[in-house]
Amino acid sequence: MLNCYASHTFAFTDTPAVPSPALLSYLRAAAADPGRAVSAVAQIDDLLEAGLFSDEVANDVDLMPRIRPPEGMTVEQCLRVTRAHLAEFIRAPHTISLERPTSRWEWDARFPELSQFIGTRFHQDFSYDYTSHSEAIDEYFEYASPEEVRTLHADIERLLGMLHSDAEFEEAAEALGMDVYPPDDQTFRTWLTHTVLPTVQRHLAA
């Protein structure tokens, strides 16, 4: 969860009444995977019970990003505010509006397999690894499990349903790690719609 704060401003800006943009980003990701919020609450409870400076959790704390509390508050107080918002979300997850992601972290969290599909193939070294986009796509299906293919299909369907303009799709492409242009002068949207999605569907039907 703290990585989500790190992808925004590295600061706790939640108030008791209003979650911060960073926490809202995390809650949108948790809407698709409620276990995220449950796990975050449990981890916060463990940290607060042990104390952030306890030897018991020292190794874990050392690996966490350093998120700044506002003036006059401690990290522990900020975590309690965050925990309250998480607990409220667990009670009423439907209250979160699933708008577009606002950080690279959120894009990856909400579209995990699409991010993996794009980011590990269509990166800046694409031309050294593949002779064509089709070769990169074929390689994905050579190694992907049936569950991963189903997740990729769901990710693409949700993305196509959420975005509307080519500008939004270009923003998504960049956030998901697309460092090369789609082939044949296609836009990212047309490439997903007319090439990638039908290929995924054929593999699911096979």
N, C-alpha and C. Protein backbone atom coordinates (compact mmCIF):
# COMPACT_ATOMS: atom_id res chain seq x y z
N MET A 1 0.82 -1.20 0.00
CA MET A 1 0.00 0.00 0.00
C MET A 1 0.86 1.26 0.00
N LEU A 2 1.96 1.26 0.76
CA LEU A 2 2.81 2.45 0.83
C LEU A 2 3.43 2.77 -0.53
N ASN A 3 3.60 1.76 -1.38
CA ASN A 3 4.11 2.03 -2.72
C ASN A 3 3.16 2.91 -3.51
N CYS A 4 1.88 2.81 -3.20
CA CYS A 4 0.90 3.66 -3.86
C CYS A 4 1.11 5.12 -3.44
N TYR A 5 1.36 5.34 -2.15
CA TYR A 5 1.68 6.70 -1.69
C TYR A 5 2.97 7.20 -2.36
N ALA A 6 3.93 6.30 -2.50
CA ALA A 6 5.20 6.68 -3.11
C ALA A 6 5.02 7.07 -4.57
N SER A 7 4.04 6.48 -5.24
CA SER A 7 3.82 6.80 -6.65
C SER A 7 3.11 8.14 -6.83
N HIS A 8 2.64 8.72 -5.73
CA HIS A 8 1.99 10.04 -5.80
C HIS A 8 2.94 11.12 -5.27
N THR A 9 2.95 11.35 -3.98
CA THR A 9 3.72 12.49 -3.46
C THR A 9 4.66 12.12 -2.31
N PHE A 10 4.74 10.83 -1.97
CA PHE A 10 5.55 10.41 -0.82
C PHE A 10 5.08 11.10 0.46
N ALA A 11 3.81 11.42 0.54
CA ALA A 11 3.30 12.11 1.73
C ALA A 11 1.93 11.57 2.10
N PHE A 12 1.68 11.47 3.40
CA PHE A 12 0.33 11.17 3.90
C PHE A 12 -0.47 12.47 3.86
N THR A 13 -1.51 12.51 3.06
CA THR A 13 -2.37 13.70 3.01
C THR A 13 -3.83 13.35 3.30
N ASP A 14 -4.06 12.14 3.82
CA ASP A 14 -5.42 11.77 4.22
C ASP A 14 -5.86 12.61 5.42
N THR A 15 -7.13 12.89 5.49
CA THR A 15 -7.73 13.46 6.70
C THR A 15 -8.75 12.46 7.21
N PRO A 16 -9.20 12.59 8.45
CA PRO A 16 -10.22 11.66 8.93
C PRO A 16 -11.48 11.66 8.08
N ALA A 17 -11.77 12.77 7.41
CA ALA A 17 -12.99 12.86 6.61
C ALA A 17 -12.79 12.44 5.16
N VAL A 18 -11.59 12.65 4.63
CA VAL A 18 -11.38 12.47 3.18
C VAL A 18 -10.10 11.68 2.92
N PRO A 19 -10.19 10.57 2.17
CA PRO A 19 -8.97 9.86 1.77
C PRO A 19 -8.16 10.71 0.80
N SER A 20 -6.86 10.54 0.83
CA SER A 20 -5.98 11.25 -0.10
C SER A 20 -6.12 10.68 -1.50
N PRO A 21 -5.65 11.41 -2.53
CA PRO A 21 -5.62 10.85 -3.88
C PRO A 21 -4.86 9.52 -3.94
N ALA A 22 -3.78 9.41 -3.17
CA ALA A 22 -3.01 8.16 -3.17
C ALA A 22 -3.85 7.02 -2.61
N LEU A 23 -4.54 7.25 -1.51
CA LEU A 23 -5.34 6.18 -0.91
C LEU A 23 -6.53 5.84 -1.79
N LEU A 24 -7.14 6.84 -2.42
CA LEU A 24 -8.24 6.55 -3.35
C LEU A 24 -7.75 5.68 -4.50
N SER A 25 -6.54 5.94 -4.96
CA SER A 25 -5.95 5.11 -6.00
C SER A 25 -5.82 3.67 -5.53
N TYR A 26 -5.36 3.49 -4.29
CA TYR A 26 -5.24 2.14 -3.73
C TYR A 26 -6.60 1.48 -3.59
N LEU A 27 -7.60 2.23 -3.17
CA LEU A 27 -8.93 1.67 -2.97
C LEU A 27 -9.57 1.26 -4.30
N ARG A 28 -9.28 2.00 -5.37
CA ARG A 28 -9.80 1.59 -6.68
C ARG A 28 -9.19 0.26 -7.10
N ALA A 29 -7.92 0.06 -6.80
CA ALA A 29 -7.29 -1.23 -7.09
C ALA A 29 -7.89 -2.32 -6.21
N ALA A 30 -8.17 -1.98 -4.95
CA ALA A 30 -8.74 -2.95 -4.02
C ALA A 30 -10.18 -3.32 -4.38
N ALA A 31 -10.86 -2.46 -5.13
CA ALA A 31 -12.24 -2.77 -5.52
C ALA A 31 -12.29 -4.04 -6.36
N ALA A 32 -11.25 -4.30 -7.15
CA ALA A 32 -11.19 -5.51 -7.95
C ALA A 32 -10.60 -6.68 -7.16
N ASP A 33 -9.95 -6.38 -6.07
CA ASP A 33 -9.30 -7.40 -5.24
C ASP A 33 -9.42 -6.99 -3.78
N PRO A 34 -10.61 -7.17 -3.17
CA PRO A 34 -10.85 -6.71 -1.80
C PRO A 34 -9.85 -7.25 -0.78
N GLY A 35 -9.23 -8.37 -1.10
CA GLY A 35 -8.23 -8.92 -0.20
C GLY A 35 -7.07 -7.97 0.04
N ARG A 36 -6.83 -7.07 -0.91
CA ARG A 36 -5.77 -6.08 -0.73
C ARG A 36 -6.01 -5.25 0.53
N ALA A 37 -7.24 -4.75 0.65
CA ALA A 37 -7.56 -3.88 1.79
C ALA A 37 -7.52 -4.65 3.10
N VAL A 38 -8.03 -5.87 3.08
CA VAL A 38 -8.01 -6.70 4.29
C VAL A 38 -6.58 -6.96 4.73
N SER A 39 -5.72 -7.27 3.76
CA SER A 39 -4.31 -7.52 4.07
C SER A 39 -3.63 -6.26 4.59
N ALA A 40 -3.95 -5.11 3.99
CA ALA A 40 -3.34 -3.85 4.43
C ALA A 40 -3.73 -3.52 5.86
N VAL A 41 -4.99 -3.73 6.21
CA VAL A 41 -5.44 -3.47 7.59
C VAL A 41 -4.68 -4.37 8.56
N ALA A 42 -4.55 -5.65 8.21
CA ALA A 42 -3.83 -6.58 9.09
C ALA A 42 -2.37 -6.15 9.27
N GLN A 43 -1.74 -5.71 8.18
CA GLN A 43 -0.35 -5.29 8.27
C GLN A 43 -0.20 -4.02 9.10
N ILE A 44 -1.13 -3.09 8.93
CA ILE A 44 -1.09 -1.87 9.76
C ILE A 44 -1.26 -2.22 11.23
N ASP A 45 -2.20 -3.11 11.52
CA ASP A 45 -2.41 -3.53 12.91
C ASP A 45 -1.14 -4.14 13.50
N ASP A 46 -0.48 -4.98 12.72
CA ASP A 46 0.75 -5.61 13.20
C ASP A 46 1.83 -4.56 13.47
N LEU A 47 1.95 -3.59 12.56
CA LEU A 47 2.96 -2.54 12.75
C LEU A 47 2.68 -1.70 13.98
N LEU A 48 1.42 -1.30 14.13
CA LEU A 48 1.07 -0.45 15.26
C LEU A 48 1.19 -1.19 16.59
N GLU A 49 0.88 -2.46 16.57
CA GLU A 49 1.00 -3.24 17.81
C GLU A 49 2.46 -3.40 18.21
N ALA A 50 3.32 -3.67 17.24
CA ALA A 50 4.74 -3.86 17.54
C ALA A 50 5.46 -2.54 17.77
N GLY A 51 5.01 -1.48 17.05
CA GLY A 51 5.71 -0.20 17.10
C GLY A 51 6.68 -0.10 15.94
N LEU A 52 6.69 1.04 15.27
CA LEU A 52 7.51 1.18 14.07
C LEU A 52 9.00 1.06 14.35
N PHE A 53 9.41 1.30 15.58
CA PHE A 53 10.83 1.25 15.91
C PHE A 53 11.19 -0.03 16.67
N SER A 54 10.29 -0.99 16.65
CA SER A 54 10.54 -2.26 17.32
C SER A 54 11.49 -3.12 16.50
N ASP A 55 12.37 -3.82 17.19
CA ASP A 55 13.27 -4.76 16.51
C ASP A 55 12.48 -5.85 15.80
N GLU A 56 11.29 -6.12 16.30
CA GLU A 56 10.46 -7.19 15.74
C GLU A 56 10.11 -6.94 14.28
N VAL A 57 9.94 -5.68 13.91
CA VAL A 57 9.53 -5.36 12.54
C VAL A 57 10.59 -4.52 11.81
N ALA A 58 11.78 -4.41 12.40
CA ALA A 58 12.80 -3.51 11.85
C ALA A 58 13.16 -3.86 10.41
N ASN A 59 13.32 -5.15 10.12
CA ASN A 59 13.69 -5.54 8.76
C ASN A 59 12.60 -5.18 7.76
N ASP A 60 11.34 -5.37 8.16
CA ASP A 60 10.23 -5.04 7.27
C ASP A 60 10.14 -3.53 7.05
N VAL A 61 10.30 -2.77 8.11
CA VAL A 61 10.19 -1.31 8.01
C VAL A 61 11.29 -0.75 7.13
N ASP A 62 12.48 -1.34 7.21
CA ASP A 62 13.60 -0.86 6.39
C ASP A 62 13.31 -0.95 4.90
N LEU A 63 12.46 -1.90 4.51
CA LEU A 63 12.15 -2.11 3.10
C LEU A 63 11.00 -1.23 2.61
N MET A 64 10.34 -0.55 3.52
CA MET A 64 9.17 0.25 3.14
C MET A 64 9.59 1.63 2.64
N PRO A 65 8.85 2.18 1.66
CA PRO A 65 9.13 3.56 1.26
C PRO A 65 8.85 4.52 2.40
N ARG A 66 9.60 5.58 2.47
CA ARG A 66 9.45 6.57 3.55
C ARG A 66 8.40 7.60 3.15
N ILE A 67 7.22 7.47 3.73
CA ILE A 67 6.12 8.38 3.43
C ILE A 67 6.07 9.44 4.53
N ARG A 68 6.07 10.71 4.14
CA ARG A 68 6.16 11.80 5.12
C ARG A 68 4.80 12.10 5.75
N PRO A 69 4.77 12.23 7.06
CA PRO A 69 3.54 12.69 7.72
C PRO A 69 3.44 14.21 7.62
N PRO A 70 2.24 14.76 7.71
CA PRO A 70 2.12 16.23 7.74
C PRO A 70 2.65 16.78 9.06
N GLU A 71 2.93 18.05 9.07
CA GLU A 71 3.46 18.69 10.28
C GLU A 71 2.49 18.50 11.44
N GLY A 72 3.02 18.10 12.57
CA GLY A 72 2.20 17.92 13.75
C GLY A 72 1.63 16.53 13.92
N MET A 73 1.92 15.62 12.98
CA MET A 73 1.43 14.25 13.09
C MET A 73 2.60 13.28 12.98
N THR A 74 2.42 12.10 13.56
CA THR A 74 3.40 11.04 13.44
C THR A 74 2.96 10.07 12.35
N VAL A 75 3.88 9.23 11.94
CA VAL A 75 3.53 8.19 10.96
C VAL A 75 2.46 7.27 11.53
N GLU A 76 2.59 6.95 12.82
CA GLU A 76 1.59 6.08 13.45
C GLU A 76 0.20 6.69 13.39
N GLN A 77 0.09 7.97 13.66
CA GLN A 77 -1.21 8.64 13.59
C GLN A 77 -1.76 8.61 12.16
N CYS A 78 -0.89 8.81 11.20
CA CYS A 78 -1.32 8.76 9.80
C CYS A 78 -1.81 7.37 9.43
N LEU A 79 -1.12 6.35 9.90
CA LEU A 79 -1.53 4.98 9.60
C LEU A 79 -2.89 4.67 10.22
N ARG A 80 -3.18 5.23 11.37
CA ARG A 80 -4.50 5.02 11.98
C ARG A 80 -5.59 5.67 11.14
N VAL A 81 -5.31 6.84 10.60
CA VAL A 81 -6.28 7.49 9.71
C VAL A 81 -6.49 6.64 8.46
N THR A 82 -5.39 6.17 7.89
CA THR A 82 -5.48 5.31 6.70
C THR A 82 -6.26 4.05 7.01
N ARG A 83 -5.98 3.46 8.17
CA ARG A 83 -6.67 2.23 8.55
C ARG A 83 -8.17 2.44 8.64
N ALA A 84 -8.59 3.57 9.18
CA ALA A 84 -10.02 3.85 9.31
C ALA A 84 -10.68 3.91 7.93
N HIS A 85 -10.02 4.52 6.97
CA HIS A 85 -10.58 4.58 5.61
C HIS A 85 -10.62 3.19 4.98
N LEU A 86 -9.59 2.40 5.21
CA LEU A 86 -9.58 1.03 4.69
C LEU A 86 -10.72 0.22 5.29
N ALA A 87 -10.92 0.35 6.59
CA ALA A 87 -11.99 -0.39 7.26
C ALA A 87 -13.36 0.03 6.71
N GLU A 88 -13.53 1.31 6.45
CA GLU A 88 -14.79 1.79 5.88
C GLU A 88 -14.99 1.22 4.48
N PHE A 89 -13.93 1.16 3.70
CA PHE A 89 -14.02 0.57 2.36
C PHE A 89 -14.42 -0.90 2.44
N ILE A 90 -13.84 -1.63 3.37
CA ILE A 90 -14.17 -3.06 3.51
C ILE A 90 -15.65 -3.23 3.83
N ARG A 91 -16.19 -2.31 4.64
CA ARG A 91 -17.62 -2.37 4.97
C ARG A 91 -18.50 -1.99 3.78
N ALA A 92 -18.04 -1.05 2.95
CA ALA A 92 -18.88 -0.55 1.85
C ALA A 92 -18.03 -0.29 0.61
N PRO A 93 -17.55 -1.34 -0.06
CA PRO A 93 -16.66 -1.16 -1.22
C PRO A 93 -17.33 -0.49 -2.41
N HIS A 94 -18.65 -0.55 -2.47
CA HIS A 94 -19.37 0.01 -3.62
C HIS A 94 -19.30 1.54 -3.66
N THR A 95 -18.81 2.16 -2.61
CA THR A 95 -18.77 3.63 -2.57
C THR A 95 -17.60 4.20 -3.37
N ILE A 96 -16.70 3.35 -3.85
CA ILE A 96 -15.53 3.83 -4.60
C ILE A 96 -15.86 3.94 -6.08
N SER A 97 -15.62 5.11 -6.64
CA SER A 97 -15.84 5.35 -8.07
C SER A 97 -14.62 4.87 -8.86
N LEU A 98 -14.86 4.00 -9.84
CA LEU A 98 -13.75 3.41 -10.59
C LEU A 98 -13.37 4.28 -11.79
N GLU A 99 -12.82 5.44 -11.50
CA GLU A 99 -12.35 6.32 -12.56
C GLU A 99 -11.01 5.83 -13.07
N ARG A 100 -10.47 6.56 -14.04
CA ARG A 100 -9.19 6.16 -14.61
C ARG A 100 -8.08 6.18 -13.56
N PRO A 101 -7.10 5.28 -13.69
CA PRO A 101 -5.95 5.30 -12.78
C PRO A 101 -5.22 6.64 -12.84
N THR A 102 -4.58 6.98 -11.75
CA THR A 102 -3.89 8.27 -11.67
C THR A 102 -2.39 8.12 -11.45
N SER A 103 -1.89 6.89 -11.45
CA SER A 103 -0.45 6.68 -11.28
C SER A 103 -0.05 5.38 -11.96
N ARG A 104 1.24 5.26 -12.22
CA ARG A 104 1.76 4.02 -12.82
C ARG A 104 1.45 2.83 -11.91
N TRP A 105 1.58 3.05 -10.60
CA TRP A 105 1.28 1.97 -9.66
C TRP A 105 -0.15 1.47 -9.86
N GLU A 106 -1.09 2.39 -9.99
CA GLU A 106 -2.49 1.99 -10.11
C GLU A 106 -2.77 1.29 -11.43
N TRP A 107 -2.16 1.76 -12.51
CA TRP A 107 -2.33 1.07 -13.79
C TRP A 107 -1.87 -0.38 -13.66
N ASP A 108 -0.70 -0.58 -13.06
CA ASP A 108 -0.18 -1.93 -12.91
C ASP A 108 -1.07 -2.78 -12.01
N ALA A 109 -1.59 -2.18 -10.95
CA ALA A 109 -2.40 -2.92 -9.99
C ALA A 109 -3.76 -3.30 -10.56
N ARG A 110 -4.36 -2.42 -11.34
CA ARG A 110 -5.71 -2.68 -11.85
C ARG A 110 -5.72 -3.47 -13.16
N PHE A 111 -4.60 -3.43 -13.88
CA PHE A 111 -4.50 -4.16 -15.14
C PHE A 111 -3.20 -4.98 -15.13
N PRO A 112 -3.09 -5.92 -14.19
CA PRO A 112 -1.80 -6.57 -13.95
C PRO A 112 -1.28 -7.38 -15.13
N GLU A 113 -2.15 -8.14 -15.77
CA GLU A 113 -1.66 -8.99 -16.86
C GLU A 113 -1.42 -8.19 -18.13
N LEU A 114 -2.24 -7.18 -18.38
CA LEU A 114 -2.00 -6.32 -19.53
C LEU A 114 -0.69 -5.55 -19.36
N SER A 115 -0.43 -5.10 -18.15
CA SER A 115 0.84 -4.43 -17.85
C SER A 115 2.01 -5.38 -18.08
N GLN A 116 1.85 -6.62 -17.65
CA GLN A 116 2.90 -7.63 -17.85
C GLN A 116 3.09 -7.92 -19.34
N PHE A 117 1.99 -8.10 -20.05
CA PHE A 117 2.02 -8.39 -21.49
C PHE A 117 2.74 -7.29 -22.26
N ILE A 118 2.41 -6.05 -21.96
CA ILE A 118 2.99 -4.92 -22.69
C ILE A 118 4.40 -4.60 -22.20
N GLY A 119 4.54 -4.46 -20.89
CA GLY A 119 5.80 -3.97 -20.34
C GLY A 119 6.98 -4.89 -20.53
N THR A 120 6.74 -6.21 -20.62
CA THR A 120 7.85 -7.14 -20.76
C THR A 120 8.18 -7.45 -22.22
N ARG A 121 7.41 -6.89 -23.15
CA ARG A 121 7.67 -7.16 -24.57
C ARG A 121 7.83 -5.90 -25.41
N PHE A 122 6.93 -4.96 -25.23
CA PHE A 122 6.92 -3.79 -26.11
C PHE A 122 7.66 -2.62 -25.46
N HIS A 123 8.85 -2.91 -24.98
CA HIS A 123 9.68 -1.95 -24.26
C HIS A 123 10.68 -1.30 -25.21
N GLN A 124 11.59 -0.51 -24.66
CA GLN A 124 12.52 0.24 -25.51
C GLN A 124 13.52 -0.64 -26.24
N ASP A 125 13.71 -1.88 -25.78
CA ASP A 125 14.62 -2.81 -26.46
C ASP A 125 13.86 -3.79 -27.35
N PHE A 126 12.62 -3.46 -27.66
CA PHE A 126 11.77 -4.34 -28.46
C PHE A 126 12.47 -4.79 -29.75
N SER A 127 13.09 -3.87 -30.46
CA SER A 127 13.66 -4.20 -31.77
C SER A 127 14.85 -5.16 -31.67
N TYR A 128 15.47 -5.24 -30.49
CA TYR A 128 16.57 -6.19 -30.30
C TYR A 128 16.05 -7.60 -30.00
N ASP A 129 14.84 -7.68 -29.48
CA ASP A 129 14.30 -8.97 -29.05
C ASP A 129 13.35 -9.61 -30.05
N TYR A 130 12.70 -8.79 -30.86
CA TYR A 130 11.66 -9.32 -31.76
C TYR A 130 11.79 -8.69 -33.15
N THR A 131 11.35 -9.45 -34.14
CA THR A 131 11.33 -8.93 -35.50
C THR A 131 10.00 -8.30 -35.86
N SER A 132 8.98 -8.55 -35.04
CA SER A 132 7.66 -7.98 -35.32
C SER A 132 6.81 -8.01 -34.06
N HIS A 133 5.73 -7.25 -34.08
CA HIS A 133 4.77 -7.29 -32.98
C HIS A 133 4.14 -8.67 -32.87
N SER A 134 3.89 -9.30 -34.00
CA SER A 134 3.27 -10.63 -33.99
C SER A 134 4.15 -11.64 -33.29
N GLU A 135 5.46 -11.55 -33.51
CA GLU A 135 6.38 -12.47 -32.84
C GLU A 135 6.31 -12.29 -31.32
N ALA A 136 6.24 -11.05 -30.87
CA ALA A 136 6.16 -10.79 -29.43
C ALA A 136 4.86 -11.34 -28.86
N ILE A 137 3.76 -11.16 -29.59
CA ILE A 137 2.47 -11.68 -29.13
C ILE A 137 2.51 -13.20 -29.07
N ASP A 138 3.07 -13.82 -30.10
CA ASP A 138 3.14 -15.29 -30.12
C ASP A 138 3.97 -15.81 -28.95
N GLU A 139 5.04 -15.10 -28.61
CA GLU A 139 5.87 -15.54 -27.48
C GLU A 139 5.08 -15.51 -26.18
N TYR A 140 4.25 -14.49 -26.01
CA TYR A 140 3.43 -14.42 -24.80
C TYR A 140 2.60 -15.69 -24.65
N PHE A 141 1.91 -16.08 -25.71
CA PHE A 141 1.02 -17.24 -25.61
C PHE A 141 1.78 -18.55 -25.50
N GLU A 142 3.03 -18.55 -25.90
CA GLU A 142 3.85 -19.74 -25.75
C GLU A 142 4.09 -20.06 -24.28
N TYR A 143 4.17 -19.02 -23.46
CA TYR A 143 4.52 -19.22 -22.05
C TYR A 143 3.39 -18.94 -21.07
N ALA A 144 2.36 -18.24 -21.49
CA ALA A 144 1.29 -17.84 -20.56
C ALA A 144 0.43 -19.03 -20.16
N SER A 145 0.02 -19.05 -18.90
CA SER A 145 -0.90 -20.08 -18.42
C SER A 145 -2.32 -19.72 -18.83
N PRO A 146 -3.24 -20.69 -18.82
CA PRO A 146 -4.64 -20.37 -19.13
C PRO A 146 -5.21 -19.29 -18.22
N GLU A 147 -4.84 -19.30 -16.96
CA GLU A 147 -5.33 -18.27 -16.03
C GLU A 147 -4.80 -16.89 -16.41
N GLU A 148 -3.55 -16.82 -16.81
CA GLU A 148 -2.98 -15.54 -17.24
C GLU A 148 -3.67 -15.02 -18.49
N VAL A 149 -3.99 -15.91 -19.42
CA VAL A 149 -4.69 -15.49 -20.64
C VAL A 149 -6.08 -14.99 -20.30
N ARG A 150 -6.76 -15.65 -19.38
CA ARG A 150 -8.10 -15.18 -18.97
C ARG A 150 -8.00 -13.80 -18.31
N THR A 151 -6.97 -13.62 -17.50
CA THR A 151 -6.79 -12.31 -16.85
C THR A 151 -6.48 -11.24 -17.88
N LEU A 152 -5.66 -11.56 -18.87
CA LEU A 152 -5.36 -10.60 -19.94
C LEU A 152 -6.63 -10.21 -20.68
N HIS A 153 -7.46 -11.19 -20.97
CA HIS A 153 -8.73 -10.91 -21.65
C HIS A 153 -9.59 -9.97 -20.82
N ALA A 154 -9.71 -10.24 -19.54
CA ALA A 154 -10.51 -9.39 -18.66
C ALA A 154 -9.93 -7.99 -18.57
N ASP A 155 -8.60 -7.89 -18.49
CA ASP A 155 -7.95 -6.57 -18.43
C ASP A 155 -8.26 -5.74 -19.68
N ILE A 156 -8.14 -6.36 -20.85
CA ILE A 156 -8.38 -5.64 -22.10
C ILE A 156 -9.84 -5.20 -22.19
N GLU A 157 -10.75 -6.10 -21.84
CA GLU A 157 -12.18 -5.76 -21.90
C GLU A 157 -12.48 -4.58 -20.98
N ARG A 158 -11.92 -4.58 -19.78
CA ARG A 158 -12.18 -3.48 -18.84
C ARG A 158 -11.56 -2.18 -19.34
N LEU A 159 -10.37 -2.27 -19.92
CA LEU A 159 -9.73 -1.05 -20.44
C LEU A 159 -10.55 -0.46 -21.58
N LEU A 160 -11.00 -1.31 -22.50
CA LEU A 160 -11.80 -0.83 -23.63
C LEU A 160 -13.12 -0.23 -23.16
N GLY A 161 -13.66 -0.75 -22.07
CA GLY A 161 -14.91 -0.22 -21.54
C GLY A 161 -14.74 1.06 -20.74
N MET A 162 -13.54 1.30 -20.25
CA MET A 162 -13.30 2.44 -19.37
C MET A 162 -12.87 3.69 -20.12
N LEU A 163 -12.07 3.51 -21.18
CA LEU A 163 -11.51 4.66 -21.90
C LEU A 163 -12.35 4.98 -23.13
N HIS A 164 -12.27 6.23 -23.57
CA HIS A 164 -13.13 6.67 -24.67
C HIS A 164 -12.37 7.34 -25.80
N SER A 165 -11.38 8.12 -25.52
CA SER A 165 -10.68 8.86 -26.57
C SER A 165 -9.32 8.24 -26.86
N ASP A 166 -8.80 8.53 -28.06
CA ASP A 166 -7.47 8.04 -28.40
C ASP A 166 -6.42 8.62 -27.46
N ALA A 167 -6.64 9.85 -27.01
CA ALA A 167 -5.69 10.46 -26.07
C ALA A 167 -5.63 9.67 -24.76
N GLU A 168 -6.79 9.22 -24.28
CA GLU A 168 -6.81 8.40 -23.06
C GLU A 168 -6.09 7.08 -23.28
N PHE A 169 -6.28 6.49 -24.45
CA PHE A 169 -5.60 5.22 -24.74
C PHE A 169 -4.09 5.41 -24.85
N GLU A 170 -3.66 6.53 -25.41
CA GLU A 170 -2.22 6.78 -25.50
C GLU A 170 -1.62 6.97 -24.11
N GLU A 171 -2.36 7.64 -23.24
CA GLU A 171 -1.90 7.79 -21.85
C GLU A 171 -1.78 6.43 -21.18
N ALA A 172 -2.77 5.57 -21.42
CA ALA A 172 -2.74 4.22 -20.84
C ALA A 172 -1.56 3.43 -21.39
N ALA A 173 -1.31 3.53 -22.69
CA ALA A 173 -0.21 2.80 -23.30
C ALA A 173 1.12 3.16 -22.65
N GLU A 174 1.34 4.45 -22.45
CA GLU A 174 2.58 4.90 -21.82
C GLU A 174 2.68 4.40 -20.39
N ALA A 175 1.59 4.49 -19.64
CA ALA A 175 1.60 4.07 -18.24
C ALA A 175 1.82 2.57 -18.11
N LEU A 176 1.34 1.79 -19.08
CA LEU A 176 1.47 0.34 -19.03
C LEU A 176 2.81 -0.14 -19.59
N GLY A 177 3.65 0.79 -20.05
CA GLY A 177 5.00 0.41 -20.47
C GLY A 177 5.19 0.23 -21.96
N MET A 178 4.26 0.74 -22.78
CA MET A 178 4.37 0.60 -24.24
C MET A 178 5.35 1.65 -24.76
N ASP A 179 6.54 1.20 -25.14
CA ASP A 179 7.59 2.11 -25.60
C ASP A 179 7.76 2.10 -27.11
N VAL A 180 6.93 1.33 -27.83
CA VAL A 180 6.99 1.31 -29.29
C VAL A 180 5.59 1.57 -29.84
N TYR A 181 5.54 2.05 -31.06
CA TYR A 181 4.25 2.29 -31.69
C TYR A 181 3.64 0.98 -32.15
N PRO A 182 2.32 0.86 -32.14
CA PRO A 182 1.68 -0.32 -32.75
C PRO A 182 2.02 -0.40 -34.23
N PRO A 183 1.89 -1.57 -34.84
CA PRO A 183 2.27 -1.72 -36.25
C PRO A 183 1.24 -1.10 -37.20
N ASP A 184 1.68 -0.88 -38.44
CA ASP A 184 0.79 -0.48 -39.54
C ASP A 184 0.02 0.80 -39.24
N ASP A 185 0.66 1.72 -38.55
CA ASP A 185 0.05 3.02 -38.26
C ASP A 185 -1.25 2.93 -37.47
N GLN A 186 -1.43 1.84 -36.73
CA GLN A 186 -2.61 1.71 -35.88
C GLN A 186 -2.44 2.56 -34.62
N THR A 187 -3.56 2.96 -34.05
CA THR A 187 -3.52 3.55 -32.72
C THR A 187 -3.46 2.41 -31.71
N PHE A 188 -3.13 2.75 -30.48
CA PHE A 188 -3.11 1.73 -29.43
C PHE A 188 -4.49 1.09 -29.28
N ARG A 189 -5.54 1.91 -29.38
CA ARG A 189 -6.89 1.38 -29.23
C ARG A 189 -7.22 0.39 -30.35
N THR A 190 -6.94 0.76 -31.61
CA THR A 190 -7.29 -0.15 -32.71
C THR A 190 -6.44 -1.42 -32.66
N TRP A 191 -5.19 -1.29 -32.24
CA TRP A 191 -4.34 -2.48 -32.12
C TRP A 191 -4.89 -3.44 -31.07
N LEU A 192 -5.28 -2.91 -29.91
CA LEU A 192 -5.87 -3.76 -28.88
C LEU A 192 -7.17 -4.39 -29.37
N THR A 193 -8.01 -3.57 -30.01
CA THR A 193 -9.35 -4.01 -30.40
C THR A 193 -9.33 -5.03 -31.53
N HIS A 194 -8.50 -4.78 -32.53
CA HIS A 194 -8.56 -5.57 -33.76
C HIS A 194 -7.44 -6.60 -33.92
N THR A 195 -6.44 -6.52 -33.07
CA THR A 195 -5.35 -7.50 -33.16
C THR A 195 -5.19 -8.30 -31.87
N VAL A 196 -4.94 -7.60 -30.78
CA VAL A 196 -4.63 -8.32 -29.53
C VAL A 196 -5.85 -9.05 -28.98
N LEU A 197 -6.97 -8.35 -28.84
CA LEU A 197 -8.15 -8.98 -28.25
C LEU A 197 -8.63 -10.19 -29.05
N PRO A 198 -8.76 -10.12 -30.38
CA PRO A 198 -9.17 -11.32 -31.13
C PRO A 198 -8.18 -12.48 -30.97
N THR A 199 -6.89 -12.17 -30.87
CA THR A 199 -5.90 -13.23 -30.67
C THR A 199 -6.10 -13.89 -29.31
N VAL A 200 -6.33 -13.09 -28.29
CA VAL A 200 -6.61 -13.64 -26.96
C VAL A 200 -7.85 -14.51 -27.00
N GLN A 201 -8.89 -14.05 -27.66
CA GLN A 201 -10.14 -14.80 -27.72
C GLN A 201 -9.97 -16.13 -28.45
N ARG A 202 -9.15 -16.14 -29.49
CA ARG A 202 -8.89 -17.41 -30.20
C ARG A 202 -8.19 -18.40 -29.29
N HIS A 203 -7.25 -17.93 -28.49
CA HIS A 203 -6.54 -18.83 -27.59
C HIS A 203 -7.47 -19.34 -26.48
N LEU A 204 -8.38 -18.50 -26.03
CA LEU A 204 -9.32 -18.95 -25.02
C LEU A 204 -10.27 -20.00 -25.57
N ALA A 205 -10.61 -19.88 -26.84
CA ALA A 205 -11.56 -20.81 -27.45
C ALA A 205 -10.91 -22.12 -27.88
N ALA A 206 -9.58 -22.12 -27.95
CA ALA A 206 -8.87 -23.31 -28.45
C ALA A 206 -8.97 -24.48 -27.47
